[in-house]
Amino acid sequence: MLHHLSLGVRDLQAAGAFYDGALGALGYRRVFDGEASIGYGLVDGQDILLLNLCVDAAAPGDGFHLAFAAASRASVDAFHRNGLAAGGRDNGAPGLRPDYGDAYYAAFLVDPDGHRVEAVINRVAA
């Protein structure tokens, strides 16, 4: 349904460090690196998430967050650990979320600009 999503960030270097660590744990990487934007995805030049430098950027309010698919519980754990190490704030430690389903394993962070992000795997562990 979505081609890509763009987020405004006030400090591109700080946001890039956060997403390098958090999304790197999920298998994504920088696929575009410009003076005023950074793109993340799997294939060079084909960003799925684009960070755009905007000095007055503001994160959406309550009720909005981005959930990234993870391949394993270990990658959810790494997303959380790496994101915290790169300037993110904890918004929910890795673990099962039985209210969302028996196999819903997720971690939640707030990036340096206040965007709420999640990594999730929703299948029974092998």
N, C-alpha and C. Protein backbone atom coordinates (compact mmCIF):
# COMPACT_ATOMS: atom_id res chain seq x y z
N MET A 1 0.81 -1.18 0.00
CA MET A 1 0.00 0.00 0.00
C MET A 1 0.86 1.26 0.00
N LEU A 2 1.86 1.33 0.89
CA LEU A 2 2.71 2.51 0.96
C LEU A 2 3.97 2.31 0.13
N HIS A 3 4.40 3.37 -0.52
CA HIS A 3 5.66 3.34 -1.26
C HIS A 3 6.81 3.71 -0.34
N HIS A 4 6.64 4.79 0.41
CA HIS A 4 7.62 5.20 1.42
C HIS A 4 6.95 6.16 2.39
N LEU A 5 7.65 6.42 3.46
CA LEU A 5 7.17 7.33 4.48
C LEU A 5 8.29 8.30 4.80
N SER A 6 7.96 9.57 4.98
CA SER A 6 8.95 10.59 5.31
C SER A 6 8.69 11.16 6.69
N LEU A 7 9.78 11.37 7.43
CA LEU A 7 9.72 11.99 8.74
C LEU A 7 10.59 13.24 8.74
N GLY A 8 10.07 14.32 9.29
CA GLY A 8 10.88 15.51 9.48
C GLY A 8 11.71 15.36 10.74
N VAL A 9 12.99 15.73 10.67
CA VAL A 9 13.89 15.64 11.83
C VAL A 9 14.64 16.96 11.97
N ARG A 10 14.92 17.34 13.22
CA ARG A 10 15.63 18.60 13.48
C ARG A 10 17.14 18.44 13.39
N ASP A 11 17.65 17.26 13.66
CA ASP A 11 19.09 17.00 13.64
C ASP A 11 19.30 15.73 12.83
N LEU A 12 19.69 15.90 11.57
CA LEU A 12 19.81 14.76 10.67
C LEU A 12 20.88 13.78 11.13
N GLN A 13 21.98 14.28 11.67
CA GLN A 13 23.05 13.40 12.13
C GLN A 13 22.59 12.54 13.30
N ALA A 14 21.90 13.12 14.27
CA ALA A 14 21.40 12.36 15.42
C ALA A 14 20.35 11.35 14.99
N ALA A 15 19.43 11.79 14.13
CA ALA A 15 18.39 10.88 13.65
C ALA A 15 19.02 9.73 12.85
N GLY A 16 20.01 10.05 12.03
CA GLY A 16 20.68 9.01 11.24
C GLY A 16 21.37 7.99 12.12
N ALA A 17 22.03 8.44 13.17
CA ALA A 17 22.69 7.51 14.09
C ALA A 17 21.67 6.59 14.75
N PHE A 18 20.54 7.15 15.18
CA PHE A 18 19.49 6.34 15.80
C PHE A 18 18.97 5.29 14.82
N TYR A 19 18.58 5.71 13.63
CA TYR A 19 17.99 4.77 12.67
C TYR A 19 19.01 3.80 12.09
N ASP A 20 20.28 4.21 11.99
CA ASP A 20 21.33 3.26 11.58
C ASP A 20 21.33 2.07 12.53
N GLY A 21 21.31 2.35 13.83
CA GLY A 21 21.35 1.28 14.83
C GLY A 21 20.06 0.51 14.92
N ALA A 22 18.95 1.22 15.06
CA ALA A 22 17.66 0.55 15.26
C ALA A 22 17.23 -0.23 14.03
N LEU A 23 17.26 0.41 12.87
CA LEU A 23 16.83 -0.29 11.65
C LEU A 23 17.87 -1.27 11.15
N GLY A 24 19.14 -1.01 11.44
CA GLY A 24 20.19 -1.96 11.08
C GLY A 24 19.96 -3.31 11.73
N ALA A 25 19.42 -3.31 12.94
CA ALA A 25 19.12 -4.56 13.65
C ALA A 25 18.02 -5.35 12.95
N LEU A 26 17.23 -4.67 12.12
CA LEU A 26 16.13 -5.33 11.40
C LEU A 26 16.49 -5.65 9.96
N GLY A 27 17.73 -5.38 9.58
CA GLY A 27 18.18 -5.70 8.23
C GLY A 27 18.10 -4.57 7.22
N TYR A 28 17.67 -3.39 7.67
CA TYR A 28 17.61 -2.23 6.77
C TYR A 28 18.92 -1.46 6.85
N ARG A 29 19.18 -0.67 5.82
CA ARG A 29 20.41 0.12 5.77
C ARG A 29 20.14 1.42 5.03
N ARG A 30 21.11 2.32 5.12
CA ARG A 30 21.00 3.55 4.34
C ARG A 30 21.09 3.20 2.86
N VAL A 31 20.10 3.65 2.11
CA VAL A 31 20.10 3.43 0.67
C VAL A 31 20.17 4.75 -0.09
N PHE A 32 20.09 5.85 0.67
CA PHE A 32 20.22 7.19 0.12
C PHE A 32 20.78 8.07 1.22
N ASP A 33 21.77 8.87 0.89
CA ASP A 33 22.40 9.74 1.87
C ASP A 33 22.66 11.08 1.21
N GLY A 34 21.83 12.06 1.52
CA GLY A 34 21.98 13.38 0.93
C GLY A 34 22.31 14.42 1.97
N GLU A 35 22.48 15.64 1.53
CA GLU A 35 22.83 16.74 2.43
C GLU A 35 21.69 17.04 3.41
N ALA A 36 20.46 16.86 2.97
CA ALA A 36 19.32 17.21 3.81
C ALA A 36 18.36 16.03 4.03
N SER A 37 18.77 14.83 3.64
CA SER A 37 17.90 13.67 3.85
C SER A 37 18.71 12.38 3.85
N ILE A 38 18.13 11.37 4.51
CA ILE A 38 18.70 10.02 4.56
C ILE A 38 17.56 9.05 4.30
N GLY A 39 17.80 8.09 3.43
CA GLY A 39 16.79 7.08 3.13
C GLY A 39 17.22 5.71 3.61
N TYR A 40 16.26 4.94 4.11
CA TYR A 40 16.51 3.58 4.59
C TYR A 40 15.66 2.60 3.79
N GLY A 41 16.23 1.45 3.53
CA GLY A 41 15.53 0.41 2.81
C GLY A 41 16.43 -0.79 2.64
N LEU A 42 16.21 -1.50 1.54
CA LEU A 42 16.97 -2.71 1.24
C LEU A 42 17.79 -2.59 -0.03
N VAL A 43 17.34 -1.72 -0.96
CA VAL A 43 17.95 -1.59 -2.28
C VAL A 43 18.40 -0.14 -2.47
N ASP A 44 19.64 0.06 -2.93
CA ASP A 44 20.14 1.42 -3.15
C ASP A 44 19.16 2.25 -3.96
N GLY A 45 18.93 3.48 -3.49
CA GLY A 45 18.07 4.41 -4.19
C GLY A 45 16.59 4.16 -4.01
N GLN A 46 16.20 3.13 -3.27
CA GLN A 46 14.78 2.82 -3.08
C GLN A 46 14.45 2.88 -1.59
N ASP A 47 14.30 4.09 -1.10
CA ASP A 47 14.04 4.25 0.32
C ASP A 47 12.60 3.89 0.66
N ILE A 48 12.44 3.31 1.83
CA ILE A 48 11.13 3.01 2.39
C ILE A 48 10.81 4.03 3.48
N LEU A 49 11.84 4.41 4.22
CA LEU A 49 11.73 5.47 5.22
C LEU A 49 12.72 6.56 4.85
N LEU A 50 12.22 7.78 4.76
CA LEU A 50 13.06 8.92 4.41
C LEU A 50 13.04 9.92 5.56
N LEU A 51 14.22 10.31 6.02
CA LEU A 51 14.36 11.34 7.04
C LEU A 51 14.72 12.64 6.33
N ASN A 52 13.96 13.69 6.59
CA ASN A 52 14.20 14.98 5.96
C ASN A 52 14.52 16.03 7.02
N LEU A 53 15.63 16.73 6.83
CA LEU A 53 16.01 17.80 7.73
C LEU A 53 14.98 18.92 7.64
N CYS A 54 14.46 19.31 8.80
CA CYS A 54 13.45 20.36 8.88
C CYS A 54 13.60 21.00 10.26
N VAL A 55 14.08 22.23 10.31
CA VAL A 55 14.44 22.84 11.59
C VAL A 55 13.28 22.95 12.56
N ASP A 56 12.05 23.02 12.06
CA ASP A 56 10.90 23.12 12.95
C ASP A 56 10.07 21.84 12.98
N ALA A 57 10.70 20.71 12.69
CA ALA A 57 9.99 19.42 12.67
C ALA A 57 9.40 19.12 14.05
N ALA A 58 8.23 18.52 14.03
CA ALA A 58 7.56 18.10 15.26
C ALA A 58 6.94 16.73 15.02
N ALA A 59 7.14 15.84 15.95
CA ALA A 59 6.57 14.50 15.84
C ALA A 59 5.06 14.56 15.99
N PRO A 60 4.34 13.65 15.32
CA PRO A 60 2.89 13.58 15.52
C PRO A 60 2.58 13.29 16.99
N GLY A 61 1.38 13.59 17.40
CA GLY A 61 0.97 13.40 18.78
C GLY A 61 0.59 11.97 19.10
N ASP A 62 -0.03 11.81 20.24
CA ASP A 62 -0.47 10.50 20.71
C ASP A 62 -1.32 9.81 19.64
N GLY A 63 -1.16 8.50 19.59
CA GLY A 63 -1.94 7.70 18.66
C GLY A 63 -1.20 7.34 17.39
N PHE A 64 -0.07 7.99 17.12
CA PHE A 64 0.69 7.69 15.90
C PHE A 64 2.00 7.02 16.27
N HIS A 65 2.31 5.92 15.60
CA HIS A 65 3.63 5.31 15.69
C HIS A 65 3.88 4.49 14.43
N LEU A 66 5.14 4.18 14.20
CA LEU A 66 5.54 3.33 13.08
C LEU A 66 5.96 1.98 13.62
N ALA A 67 5.46 0.91 13.03
CA ALA A 67 5.83 -0.43 13.44
C ALA A 67 6.60 -1.09 12.29
N PHE A 68 7.82 -1.51 12.59
CA PHE A 68 8.68 -2.16 11.60
C PHE A 68 8.66 -3.67 11.84
N ALA A 69 8.51 -4.44 10.77
CA ALA A 69 8.51 -5.89 10.88
C ALA A 69 9.90 -6.40 11.19
N ALA A 70 9.97 -7.35 12.10
CA ALA A 70 11.24 -7.98 12.47
C ALA A 70 11.20 -9.45 12.06
N ALA A 71 12.37 -9.99 11.79
CA ALA A 71 12.49 -11.39 11.38
C ALA A 71 12.56 -12.35 12.56
N SER A 72 12.90 -11.83 13.73
CA SER A 72 13.06 -12.70 14.89
C SER A 72 12.92 -11.89 16.17
N ARG A 73 12.74 -12.59 17.27
CA ARG A 73 12.71 -11.91 18.56
C ARG A 73 14.08 -11.30 18.87
N ALA A 74 15.13 -11.97 18.46
CA ALA A 74 16.48 -11.44 18.68
C ALA A 74 16.66 -10.10 17.97
N SER A 75 16.09 -9.95 16.78
CA SER A 75 16.23 -8.68 16.08
C SER A 75 15.39 -7.59 16.74
N VAL A 76 14.25 -7.95 17.35
CA VAL A 76 13.48 -6.98 18.15
C VAL A 76 14.32 -6.51 19.33
N ASP A 77 14.97 -7.45 20.00
CA ASP A 77 15.83 -7.12 21.13
C ASP A 77 16.96 -6.18 20.69
N ALA A 78 17.58 -6.48 19.55
CA ALA A 78 18.69 -5.66 19.05
C ALA A 78 18.20 -4.28 18.64
N PHE A 79 17.03 -4.19 18.02
CA PHE A 79 16.42 -2.90 17.68
C PHE A 79 16.34 -2.02 18.92
N HIS A 80 15.82 -2.57 19.99
CA HIS A 80 15.65 -1.82 21.24
C HIS A 80 17.00 -1.43 21.83
N ARG A 81 17.90 -2.38 21.93
CA ARG A 81 19.23 -2.13 22.50
C ARG A 81 20.00 -1.09 21.69
N ASN A 82 20.03 -1.26 20.36
CA ASN A 82 20.77 -0.35 19.49
C ASN A 82 20.16 1.05 19.49
N GLY A 83 18.83 1.10 19.49
CA GLY A 83 18.16 2.39 19.51
C GLY A 83 18.44 3.18 20.78
N LEU A 84 18.44 2.48 21.91
CA LEU A 84 18.77 3.15 23.17
C LEU A 84 20.20 3.65 23.16
N ALA A 85 21.11 2.84 22.66
CA ALA A 85 22.53 3.22 22.61
C ALA A 85 22.78 4.41 21.69
N ALA A 86 21.86 4.64 20.74
CA ALA A 86 22.04 5.72 19.77
C ALA A 86 21.14 6.92 20.06
N GLY A 87 20.70 7.08 21.29
CA GLY A 87 19.98 8.28 21.66
C GLY A 87 18.48 8.17 21.75
N GLY A 88 17.92 6.98 21.53
CA GLY A 88 16.47 6.80 21.67
C GLY A 88 16.08 6.66 23.14
N ARG A 89 14.78 6.80 23.40
CA ARG A 89 14.24 6.61 24.74
C ARG A 89 13.35 5.38 24.76
N ASP A 90 13.39 4.67 25.85
CA ASP A 90 12.56 3.48 26.02
C ASP A 90 11.09 3.87 26.08
N ASN A 91 10.27 3.11 25.35
CA ASN A 91 8.82 3.31 25.40
C ASN A 91 8.11 1.95 25.55
N GLY A 92 8.90 0.94 25.95
CA GLY A 92 8.38 -0.42 26.13
C GLY A 92 9.44 -1.44 25.80
N ALA A 93 9.97 -2.10 26.81
CA ALA A 93 11.05 -3.08 26.62
C ALA A 93 10.58 -4.26 25.78
N PRO A 94 11.52 -4.97 25.16
CA PRO A 94 11.14 -6.14 24.36
C PRO A 94 10.39 -7.17 25.20
N GLY A 95 9.37 -7.74 24.60
CA GLY A 95 8.63 -8.78 25.28
C GLY A 95 7.33 -9.10 24.59
N LEU A 96 6.69 -10.14 25.07
CA LEU A 96 5.38 -10.53 24.55
C LEU A 96 4.34 -9.50 24.95
N ARG A 97 3.39 -9.26 24.08
CA ARG A 97 2.28 -8.35 24.33
C ARG A 97 0.98 -9.16 24.15
N PRO A 98 0.59 -9.91 25.19
CA PRO A 98 -0.58 -10.79 25.07
C PRO A 98 -1.87 -10.07 24.71
N ASP A 99 -1.98 -8.77 25.00
CA ASP A 99 -3.17 -8.02 24.61
C ASP A 99 -3.29 -7.90 23.10
N TYR A 100 -2.17 -8.05 22.38
CA TYR A 100 -2.16 -7.93 20.92
C TYR A 100 -2.18 -9.29 20.24
N GLY A 101 -2.00 -10.36 20.98
CA GLY A 101 -1.99 -11.72 20.42
C GLY A 101 -0.99 -12.58 21.15
N ASP A 102 -1.19 -13.88 21.05
CA ASP A 102 -0.35 -14.83 21.78
C ASP A 102 1.13 -14.78 21.37
N ALA A 103 1.41 -14.42 20.12
CA ALA A 103 2.78 -14.45 19.63
C ALA A 103 3.35 -13.06 19.35
N TYR A 104 2.65 -12.01 19.74
CA TYR A 104 3.06 -10.64 19.43
C TYR A 104 4.22 -10.24 20.35
N TYR A 105 5.42 -10.16 19.78
CA TYR A 105 6.64 -9.82 20.52
C TYR A 105 7.14 -8.50 19.96
N ALA A 106 7.28 -7.50 20.81
CA ALA A 106 7.60 -6.16 20.31
C ALA A 106 8.44 -5.38 21.31
N ALA A 107 9.04 -4.32 20.80
CA ALA A 107 9.76 -3.34 21.60
C ALA A 107 9.42 -1.97 21.05
N PHE A 108 9.39 -0.98 21.94
CA PHE A 108 8.97 0.36 21.57
C PHE A 108 10.03 1.38 21.99
N LEU A 109 10.28 2.34 21.10
CA LEU A 109 11.24 3.41 21.35
C LEU A 109 10.65 4.75 20.93
N VAL A 110 11.27 5.81 21.42
CA VAL A 110 11.00 7.16 20.95
C VAL A 110 12.32 7.67 20.39
N ASP A 111 12.32 8.09 19.12
CA ASP A 111 13.56 8.54 18.49
C ASP A 111 13.95 9.93 19.00
N PRO A 112 15.13 10.44 18.62
CA PRO A 112 15.58 11.74 19.15
C PRO A 112 14.65 12.91 18.85
N ASP A 113 13.77 12.78 17.86
CA ASP A 113 12.83 13.85 17.53
C ASP A 113 11.43 13.63 18.12
N GLY A 114 11.25 12.54 18.85
CA GLY A 114 9.97 12.29 19.48
C GLY A 114 9.04 11.37 18.71
N HIS A 115 9.49 10.83 17.57
CA HIS A 115 8.66 9.87 16.82
C HIS A 115 8.64 8.53 17.56
N ARG A 116 7.47 7.96 17.68
CA ARG A 116 7.33 6.66 18.33
C ARG A 116 7.48 5.55 17.30
N VAL A 117 8.38 4.60 17.60
CA VAL A 117 8.65 3.51 16.68
C VAL A 117 8.62 2.18 17.43
N GLU A 118 8.33 1.15 16.69
CA GLU A 118 8.19 -0.20 17.25
C GLU A 118 8.83 -1.19 16.30
N ALA A 119 9.36 -2.25 16.85
CA ALA A 119 9.77 -3.43 16.07
C ALA A 119 8.92 -4.58 16.58
N VAL A 120 8.39 -5.40 15.66
CA VAL A 120 7.47 -6.46 16.05
C VAL A 120 7.64 -7.70 15.18
N ILE A 121 7.51 -8.84 15.81
CA ILE A 121 7.34 -10.12 15.13
C ILE A 121 6.08 -10.74 15.73
N ASN A 122 5.21 -11.21 14.87
CA ASN A 122 3.92 -11.71 15.35
C ASN A 122 3.71 -13.13 14.83
N ARG A 123 4.60 -14.00 15.24
CA ARG A 123 4.45 -15.42 14.92
C ARG A 123 5.14 -16.23 16.02
N VAL A 124 4.74 -17.45 16.15
CA VAL A 124 5.29 -18.33 17.18
C VAL A 124 6.77 -18.54 16.90
N ALA A 125 7.58 -18.42 17.95
CA ALA A 125 9.03 -18.61 17.83
C ALA A 125 9.32 -20.04 17.41
N ALA A 126 10.27 -20.18 16.51
CA ALA A 126 10.66 -21.52 16.03
C ALA A 126 11.58 -22.21 17.01
